């Protein structure tokens, strides 16, 4: 069955050197923390962890914006969680879903190769993916990159969290966002304005904030 999907391949930069220097026990601890963070963000943003790849993972979703948001959030949060950074590659387009749990097609291959080409703490995305980036994501300059196995170079640009003179913190995911039009908003119990990077974070915040006690009126007499 042919479907439209966005793919991201992520892995931990410097993982082999870390394992060699610190040993198996600390490596397992780092991997456990990394995978826990990936699962948490993927569940909140509606992104599927298609498969684990040792020190990395393959992510997929029909929603390109959700995959971008997840990878940018990971790149921002992982260095504050474990002593390694991530690198990532992203591409989207039509692929064949094979046996219900795998994908065959150029977008998946391109995403994997761009991840290989990325530097530490860098996300490389194709032009098609970058065109759907949320406004709080900065798209860098496109350059043609030679990719193993492909006849033509792939135009890709780095994606990163945008900076601004006026910013706000998403109370759900913790991202520092530029104050721009179009952000999801809610009002706190104290009347303060809460701004969110996406509807998924706003919904998650709605679900976990305290609710006022339910008042039930009983008939008298």
C-alpha atoms as a PDB file:
ATOM      1  CA  UNK A   1       0.000   0.000   0.000  1.00  0.00           C
ATOM      2  CA  UNK A   2       1.381   3.406  -0.987  1.00  0.00           C
ATOM      3  CA  UNK A   3       1.118   6.160   1.632  1.00  0.00           C
ATOM      4  CA  UNK A   4       2.453   9.671   2.281  1.00  0.00           C
ATOM      5  CA  UNK A   5       4.822   9.870   5.238  1.00  0.00           C
ATOM      6  CA  UNK A   6       7.436  12.102   6.773  1.00  0.00           C
ATOM      7  CA  UNK A   7      10.500  10.329   8.152  1.00  0.00           C
ATOM      8  CA  UNK A   8      13.218  11.331  10.559  1.00  0.00           C
ATOM      9  CA  UNK A   9      16.270   9.316  11.445  1.00  0.00           C
ATOM     10  CA  UNK A  10      17.970  10.341  14.669  1.00  0.00           C
ATOM     11  CA  UNK A  11      21.053   9.068  16.436  1.00  0.00           C
ATOM     12  CA  UNK A  12      23.367  10.026  19.265  1.00  0.00           C
ATOM     13  CA  UNK A  13      26.494  11.777  18.072  1.00  0.00           C
ATOM     14  CA  UNK A  14      29.708  10.446  19.646  1.00  0.00           C
ATOM     15  CA  UNK A  15      28.030   7.318  21.002  1.00  0.00           C
ATOM     16  CA  UNK A  16      30.847   4.916  20.094  1.00  0.00           C
ATOM     17  CA  UNK A  17      33.477   7.102  21.768  1.00  0.00           C
ATOM     18  CA  UNK A  18      31.265   7.462  24.836  1.00  0.00           C
ATOM     19  CA  UNK A  19      30.872   3.684  25.111  1.00  0.00           C
ATOM     20  CA  UNK A  20      34.613   3.164  24.768  1.00  0.00           C
ATOM     21  CA  UNK A  21      35.440   5.729  27.441  1.00  0.00           C
ATOM     22  CA  UNK A  22      32.695   5.141  30.046  1.00  0.00           C
ATOM     23  CA  UNK A  23      31.824   1.466  29.630  1.00  0.00           C
ATOM     24  CA  UNK A  24      28.665  -0.584  29.273  1.00  0.00           C
ATOM     25  CA  UNK A  25      26.810   0.377  32.457  1.00  0.00           C
ATOM     26  CA  UNK A  26      26.828   4.127  31.772  1.00  0.00           C
ATOM     27  CA  UNK A  27      26.057   3.460  28.119  1.00  0.00           C
ATOM     28  CA  UNK A  28      22.924   1.519  29.072  1.00  0.00           C
ATOM     29  CA  UNK A  29      21.867   4.345  31.414  1.00  0.00           C
ATOM     30  CA  UNK A  30      22.285   6.919  28.647  1.00  0.00           C
ATOM     31  CA  UNK A  31      20.355   4.787  26.146  1.00  0.00           C
ATOM     32  CA  UNK A  32      17.519   4.217  28.626  1.00  0.00           C
ATOM     33  CA  UNK A  33      17.202   7.954  29.274  1.00  0.00           C
ATOM     34  CA  UNK A  34      17.368   8.737  25.554  1.00  0.00           C
ATOM     35  CA  UNK A  35      14.702   6.203  24.621  1.00  0.00           C
ATOM     36  CA  UNK A  36      12.451   7.308  27.452  1.00  0.00           C
ATOM     37  CA  UNK A  37      12.634  10.906  26.242  1.00  0.00           C
ATOM     38  CA  UNK A  38      11.950   9.845  22.640  1.00  0.00           C
ATOM     39  CA  UNK A  39       8.897   7.823  23.696  1.00  0.00           C
ATOM     40  CA  UNK A  40       7.510  10.667  25.797  1.00  0.00           C
ATOM     41  CA  UNK A  41       7.823  13.287  23.055  1.00  0.00           C
ATOM     42  CA  UNK A  42       6.597  10.936  20.313  1.00  0.00           C
ATOM     43  CA  UNK A  43       3.465  10.061  22.298  1.00  0.00           C
ATOM     44  CA  UNK A  44       2.646  13.718  22.953  1.00  0.00           C
ATOM     45  CA  UNK A  45       3.188  14.807  19.350  1.00  0.00           C
ATOM     46  CA  UNK A  46       1.545  11.824  17.644  1.00  0.00           C
ATOM     47  CA  UNK A  47       4.729  10.558  15.994  1.00  0.00           C
ATOM     48  CA  UNK A  48       5.456   6.848  15.610  1.00  0.00           C
ATOM     49  CA  UNK A  49       8.758   5.315  16.654  1.00  0.00           C
ATOM     50  CA  UNK A  50       8.925   2.972  13.678  1.00  0.00           C
ATOM     51  CA  UNK A  51      12.017   1.144  14.867  1.00  0.00           C
ATOM     52  CA  UNK A  52      14.939   1.466  17.257  1.00  0.00           C
ATOM     53  CA  UNK A  53      18.393   1.432  15.680  1.00  0.00           C
ATOM     54  CA  UNK A  54      20.855   0.889  18.517  1.00  0.00           C
ATOM     55  CA  UNK A  55      21.771   4.438  19.526  1.00  0.00           C
ATOM     56  CA  UNK A  56      19.111   5.929  17.244  1.00  0.00           C
ATOM     57  CA  UNK A  57      15.602   5.560  15.911  1.00  0.00           C
ATOM     58  CA  UNK A  58      13.447   5.883  12.824  1.00  0.00           C
ATOM     59  CA  UNK A  59      10.416   8.142  13.278  1.00  0.00           C
ATOM     60  CA  UNK A  60       7.408   8.525  10.994  1.00  0.00           C
ATOM     61  CA  UNK A  61       4.103  10.351  10.740  1.00  0.00           C
ATOM     62  CA  UNK A  62       1.610  11.525   8.164  1.00  0.00           C
ATOM     63  CA  UNK A  63       2.001  14.979   9.779  1.00  0.00           C
ATOM     64  CA  UNK A  64       5.285  16.530   8.665  1.00  0.00           C
ATOM     65  CA  UNK A  65       4.943  19.429  11.113  1.00  0.00           C
ATOM     66  CA  UNK A  66       4.660  17.011  14.033  1.00  0.00           C
ATOM     67  CA  UNK A  67       7.882  15.232  13.069  1.00  0.00           C
ATOM     68  CA  UNK A  68       9.718  18.558  12.704  1.00  0.00           C
ATOM     69  CA  UNK A  69       8.484  19.720  16.097  1.00  0.00           C
ATOM     70  CA  UNK A  70       9.543  16.466  17.730  1.00  0.00           C
ATOM     71  CA  UNK A  71      13.057  16.485  16.297  1.00  0.00           C
ATOM     72  CA  UNK A  72      13.628  20.165  17.116  1.00  0.00           C
ATOM     73  CA  UNK A  73      12.389  19.562  20.658  1.00  0.00           C
ATOM     74  CA  UNK A  74      14.680  16.553  21.019  1.00  0.00           C
ATOM     75  CA  UNK A  75      17.669  18.521  19.765  1.00  0.00           C
ATOM     76  CA  UNK A  76      16.908  21.222  22.329  1.00  0.00           C
ATOM     77  CA  UNK A  77      16.288  18.933  25.326  1.00  0.00           C
ATOM     78  CA  UNK A  78      18.647  15.970  24.884  1.00  0.00           C
ATOM     79  CA  UNK A  79      21.908  17.866  25.628  1.00  0.00           C
ATOM     80  CA  UNK A  80      20.373  18.937  28.959  1.00  0.00           C
ATOM     81  CA  UNK A  81      19.446  15.327  29.762  1.00  0.00           C
ATOM     82  CA  UNK A  82      22.424  13.207  28.706  1.00  0.00           C
ATOM     83  CA  UNK A  83      26.063  14.056  27.832  1.00  0.00           C
ATOM     84  CA  UNK A  84      25.502  13.547  24.102  1.00  0.00           C
ATOM     85  CA  UNK A  85      23.811  15.499  21.308  1.00  0.00           C
ATOM     86  CA  UNK A  86      21.646  14.120  18.543  1.00  0.00           C
ATOM     87  CA  UNK A  87      21.845  14.508  14.796  1.00  0.00           C
ATOM     88  CA  UNK A  88      18.939  13.959  12.444  1.00  0.00           C
ATOM     89  CA  UNK A  89      17.842  13.762   8.829  1.00  0.00           C
ATOM     90  CA  UNK A  90      14.323  14.344   7.496  1.00  0.00           C
ATOM     91  CA  UNK A  91      12.483  13.724   4.232  1.00  0.00           C
ATOM     92  CA  UNK A  92       8.892  13.136   3.169  1.00  0.00           C
ATOM     93  CA  UNK A  93       6.883  11.810   0.253  1.00  0.00           C
ATOM     94  CA  UNK A  94       5.164   8.658  -1.056  1.00  0.00           C
ATOM     95  CA  UNK A  95       6.425   5.263   0.137  1.00  0.00           C
ATOM     96  CA  UNK A  96       5.171   1.690   0.156  1.00  0.00           C
ATOM     97  CA  UNK A  97       4.081   0.324   3.526  1.00  0.00           C
ATOM     98  CA  UNK A  98       5.567  -3.167   3.629  1.00  0.00           C
ATOM     99  CA  UNK A  99       3.989  -5.884   5.787  1.00  0.00           C
ATOM    100  CA  UNK A 100       2.354  -3.259   7.970  1.00  0.00           C
ATOM    101  CA  UNK A 101       5.442  -2.171   9.902  1.00  0.00           C
ATOM    102  CA  UNK A 102       8.119  -1.076   7.434  1.00  0.00           C
ATOM    103  CA  UNK A 103       8.450   1.453   4.620  1.00  0.00           C
ATOM    104  CA  UNK A 104      10.122   1.210   1.242  1.00  0.00           C
ATOM    105  CA  UNK A 105      10.856   4.286  -0.848  1.00  0.00           C
ATOM    106  CA  UNK A 106      13.151   7.198  -1.527  1.00  0.00           C
ATOM    107  CA  UNK A 107      12.024   9.464   1.359  1.00  0.00           C
ATOM    108  CA  UNK A 108      13.046   6.922   4.006  1.00  0.00           C
ATOM    109  CA  UNK A 109      16.416   6.390   2.308  1.00  0.00           C
ATOM    110  CA  UNK A 110      17.064  10.134   1.977  1.00  0.00           C
ATOM    111  CA  UNK A 111      16.219  10.785   5.624  1.00  0.00           C
ATOM    112  CA  UNK A 112      18.657   8.069   6.741  1.00  0.00           C
ATOM    113  CA  UNK A 113      21.463   9.397   4.535  1.00  0.00           C
ATOM    114  CA  UNK A 114      20.930  13.006   5.657  1.00  0.00           C
ATOM    115  CA  UNK A 115      21.227  11.839   9.254  1.00  0.00           C
ATOM    116  CA  UNK A 116      24.597  10.298   8.357  1.00  0.00           C
ATOM    117  CA  UNK A 117      25.708  13.636   6.862  1.00  0.00           C
ATOM    118  CA  UNK A 118      24.520  15.818   9.752  1.00  0.00           C
ATOM    119  CA  UNK A 119      26.888  17.226  12.345  1.00  0.00           C
ATOM    120  CA  UNK A 120      26.363  16.874  16.077  1.00  0.00           C
ATOM    121  CA  UNK A 121      23.211  18.713  17.200  1.00  0.00           C
ATOM    122  CA  UNK A 122      22.204  19.349  13.590  1.00  0.00           C
ATOM    123  CA  UNK A 123      18.987  18.453  11.761  1.00  0.00           C
ATOM    124  CA  UNK A 124      19.086  18.350   7.963  1.00  0.00           C
ATOM    125  CA  UNK A 125      15.767  18.475   6.095  1.00  0.00           C
ATOM    126  CA  UNK A 126      14.822  18.384   2.449  1.00  0.00           C
ATOM    127  CA  UNK A 127      13.213  21.406   0.840  1.00  0.00           C
ATOM    128  CA  UNK A 128       9.816  19.675   0.889  1.00  0.00           C
ATOM    129  CA  UNK A 129      10.024  19.101   4.637  1.00  0.00           C
ATOM    130  CA  UNK A 130      11.411  22.555   5.419  1.00  0.00           C
ATOM    131  CA  UNK A 131       8.512  24.194   3.569  1.00  0.00           C
ATOM    132  CA  UNK A 132       6.182  22.826   6.282  1.00  0.00           C
ATOM    133  CA  UNK A 133       8.234  23.898   9.284  1.00  0.00           C
ATOM    134  CA  UNK A 134       6.353  25.746  12.044  1.00  0.00           C
ATOM    135  CA  UNK A 135       7.073  29.472  12.218  1.00  0.00           C
ATOM    136  CA  UNK A 136       9.046  29.010  15.439  1.00  0.00           C
ATOM    137  CA  UNK A 137      11.570  26.847  13.564  1.00  0.00           C
ATOM    138  CA  UNK A 138      14.412  28.578  11.727  1.00  0.00           C
ATOM    139  CA  UNK A 139      15.304  27.184   8.285  1.00  0.00           C
ATOM    140  CA  UNK A 140      18.940  27.691   7.303  1.00  0.00           C
ATOM    141  CA  UNK A 141      20.480  27.931   3.848  1.00  0.00           C
ATOM    142  CA  UNK A 142      19.923  25.113   1.375  1.00  0.00           C
ATOM    143  CA  UNK A 143      22.954  23.361  -0.050  1.00  0.00           C
ATOM    144  CA  UNK A 144      23.218  20.479  -2.489  1.00  0.00           C
ATOM    145  CA  UNK A 145      24.584  17.410  -0.721  1.00  0.00           C
ATOM    146  CA  UNK A 146      25.868  14.254  -2.365  1.00  0.00           C
ATOM    147  CA  UNK A 147      24.077  11.237  -0.964  1.00  0.00           C
ATOM    148  CA  UNK A 148      25.375   7.694  -1.286  1.00  0.00           C
ATOM    149  CA  UNK A 149      23.222   5.592  -3.593  1.00  0.00           C
ATOM    150  CA  UNK A 150      21.423   8.520  -5.247  1.00  0.00           C
ATOM    151  CA  UNK A 151      22.191   9.780  -8.744  1.00  0.00           C
ATOM    152  CA  UNK A 152      21.549  13.440  -7.933  1.00  0.00           C
ATOM    153  CA  UNK A 153      22.525  15.611  -4.950  1.00  0.00           C
ATOM    154  CA  UNK A 154      19.805  16.393  -2.416  1.00  0.00           C
ATOM    155  CA  UNK A 155      19.061  19.979  -1.447  1.00  0.00           C
ATOM    156  CA  UNK A 156      18.876  20.157   2.345  1.00  0.00           C
ATOM    157  CA  UNK A 157      18.884  22.859   5.004  1.00  0.00           C
ATOM    158  CA  UNK A 158      19.492  22.809   8.766  1.00  0.00           C
ATOM    159  CA  UNK A 159      16.465  23.304  11.008  1.00  0.00           C
ATOM    160  CA  UNK A 160      16.744  24.727  14.515  1.00  0.00           C
ATOM    161  CA  UNK A 161      14.725  26.483  17.149  1.00  0.00           C
ATOM    162  CA  UNK A 162      14.315  30.135  16.164  1.00  0.00           C
ATOM    163  CA  UNK A 163      15.528  32.876  18.473  1.00  0.00           C
ATOM    164  CA  UNK A 164      13.893  36.264  19.052  1.00  0.00           C
ATOM    165  CA  UNK A 165      14.205  39.363  21.200  1.00  0.00           C
ATOM    166  CA  UNK A 166      10.809  38.588  22.743  1.00  0.00           C
ATOM    167  CA  UNK A 167      10.264  34.995  23.781  1.00  0.00           C
ATOM    168  CA  UNK A 168       7.950  32.780  25.808  1.00  0.00           C
ATOM    169  CA  UNK A 169       8.280  29.301  27.294  1.00  0.00           C
ATOM    170  CA  UNK A 170       5.869  26.566  26.292  1.00  0.00           C
ATOM    171  CA  UNK A 171       4.641  25.276  29.700  1.00  0.00           C
ATOM    172  CA  UNK A 172       4.217  21.758  28.315  1.00  0.00           C
ATOM    173  CA  UNK A 173       7.361  20.928  26.316  1.00  0.00           C
ATOM    174  CA  UNK A 174       9.566  23.651  27.796  1.00  0.00           C
ATOM    175  CA  UNK A 175      10.705  25.092  24.450  1.00  0.00           C
ATOM    176  CA  UNK A 176      11.658  28.768  24.423  1.00  0.00           C
ATOM    177  CA  UNK A 177       9.559  30.149  21.581  1.00  0.00           C
ATOM    178  CA  UNK A 178       9.652  33.477  19.787  1.00  0.00           C
ATOM    179  CA  UNK A 179       6.504  35.472  20.470  1.00  0.00           C
ATOM    180  CA  UNK A 180       4.862  35.325  17.063  1.00  0.00           C
ATOM    181  CA  UNK A 181       1.348  35.279  15.708  1.00  0.00           C
ATOM    182  CA  UNK A 182      -0.256  31.887  15.328  1.00  0.00           C
ATOM    183  CA  UNK A 183       0.942  30.229  18.536  1.00  0.00           C
ATOM    184  CA  UNK A 184      -1.674  28.177  20.374  1.00  0.00           C
ATOM    185  CA  UNK A 185      -2.822  30.073  23.476  1.00  0.00           C
ATOM    186  CA  UNK A 186      -4.605  29.261  26.713  1.00  0.00           C
ATOM    187  CA  UNK A 187      -5.317  31.250  29.867  1.00  0.00           C
ATOM    188  CA  UNK A 188      -4.031  30.158  33.249  1.00  0.00           C
ATOM    189  CA  UNK A 189      -6.155  30.204  36.391  1.00  0.00           C
ATOM    190  CA  UNK A 190      -4.461  33.492  37.315  1.00  0.00           C
ATOM    191  CA  UNK A 191      -5.402  35.057  33.965  1.00  0.00           C
ATOM    192  CA  UNK A 192      -1.901  34.755  32.491  1.00  0.00           C
ATOM    193  CA  UNK A 193      -1.519  33.896  28.823  1.00  0.00           C
ATOM    194  CA  UNK A 194       0.071  30.525  28.054  1.00  0.00           C
ATOM    195  CA  UNK A 195       1.563  30.052  24.604  1.00  0.00           C
ATOM    196  CA  UNK A 196       2.283  26.683  22.997  1.00  0.00           C
ATOM    197  CA  UNK A 197       4.297  25.482  20.036  1.00  0.00           C
ATOM    198  CA  UNK A 198       1.501  23.216  18.772  1.00  0.00           C
ATOM    199  CA  UNK A 199      -2.054  22.049  19.426  1.00  0.00           C
ATOM    200  CA  UNK A 200      -0.655  18.763  20.792  1.00  0.00           C
ATOM    201  CA  UNK A 201       1.251  20.553  23.563  1.00  0.00           C
ATOM    202  CA  UNK A 202      -1.765  22.749  24.360  1.00  0.00           C
ATOM    203  CA  UNK A 203      -4.000  19.677  24.634  1.00  0.00           C
ATOM    204  CA  UNK A 204      -1.460  17.862  26.821  1.00  0.00           C
ATOM    205  CA  UNK A 205      -1.316  20.903  29.136  1.00  0.00           C
ATOM    206  CA  UNK A 206      -5.124  21.047  29.272  1.00  0.00           C
ATOM    207  CA  UNK A 207      -5.287  17.391  30.277  1.00  0.00           C
ATOM    208  CA  UNK A 208      -2.828  17.609  33.141  1.00  0.00           C
ATOM    209  CA  UNK A 209      -3.656  20.949  34.765  1.00  0.00           C
ATOM    210  CA  UNK A 210      -5.774  20.824  37.945  1.00  0.00           C
ATOM    211  CA  UNK A 211      -9.529  20.959  37.497  1.00  0.00           C
ATOM    212  CA  UNK A 212     -11.825  22.848  39.872  1.00  0.00           C
ATOM    213  CA  UNK A 213     -13.868  20.533  42.097  1.00  0.00           C
ATOM    214  CA  UNK A 214     -17.195  19.504  40.681  1.00  0.00           C
ATOM    215  CA  UNK A 215     -20.056  21.185  42.504  1.00  0.00           C
ATOM    216  CA  UNK A 216     -23.203  19.156  42.752  1.00  0.00           C
ATOM    217  CA  UNK A 217     -26.433  20.776  43.872  1.00  0.00           C
ATOM    218  CA  UNK A 218     -28.685  18.531  45.942  1.00  0.00           C
ATOM    219  CA  UNK A 219     -32.402  19.240  46.210  1.00  0.00           C
ATOM    220  CA  UNK A 220     -33.550  20.542  49.577  1.00  0.00           C
ATOM    221  CA  UNK A 221     -36.789  19.910  51.427  1.00  0.00           C
END
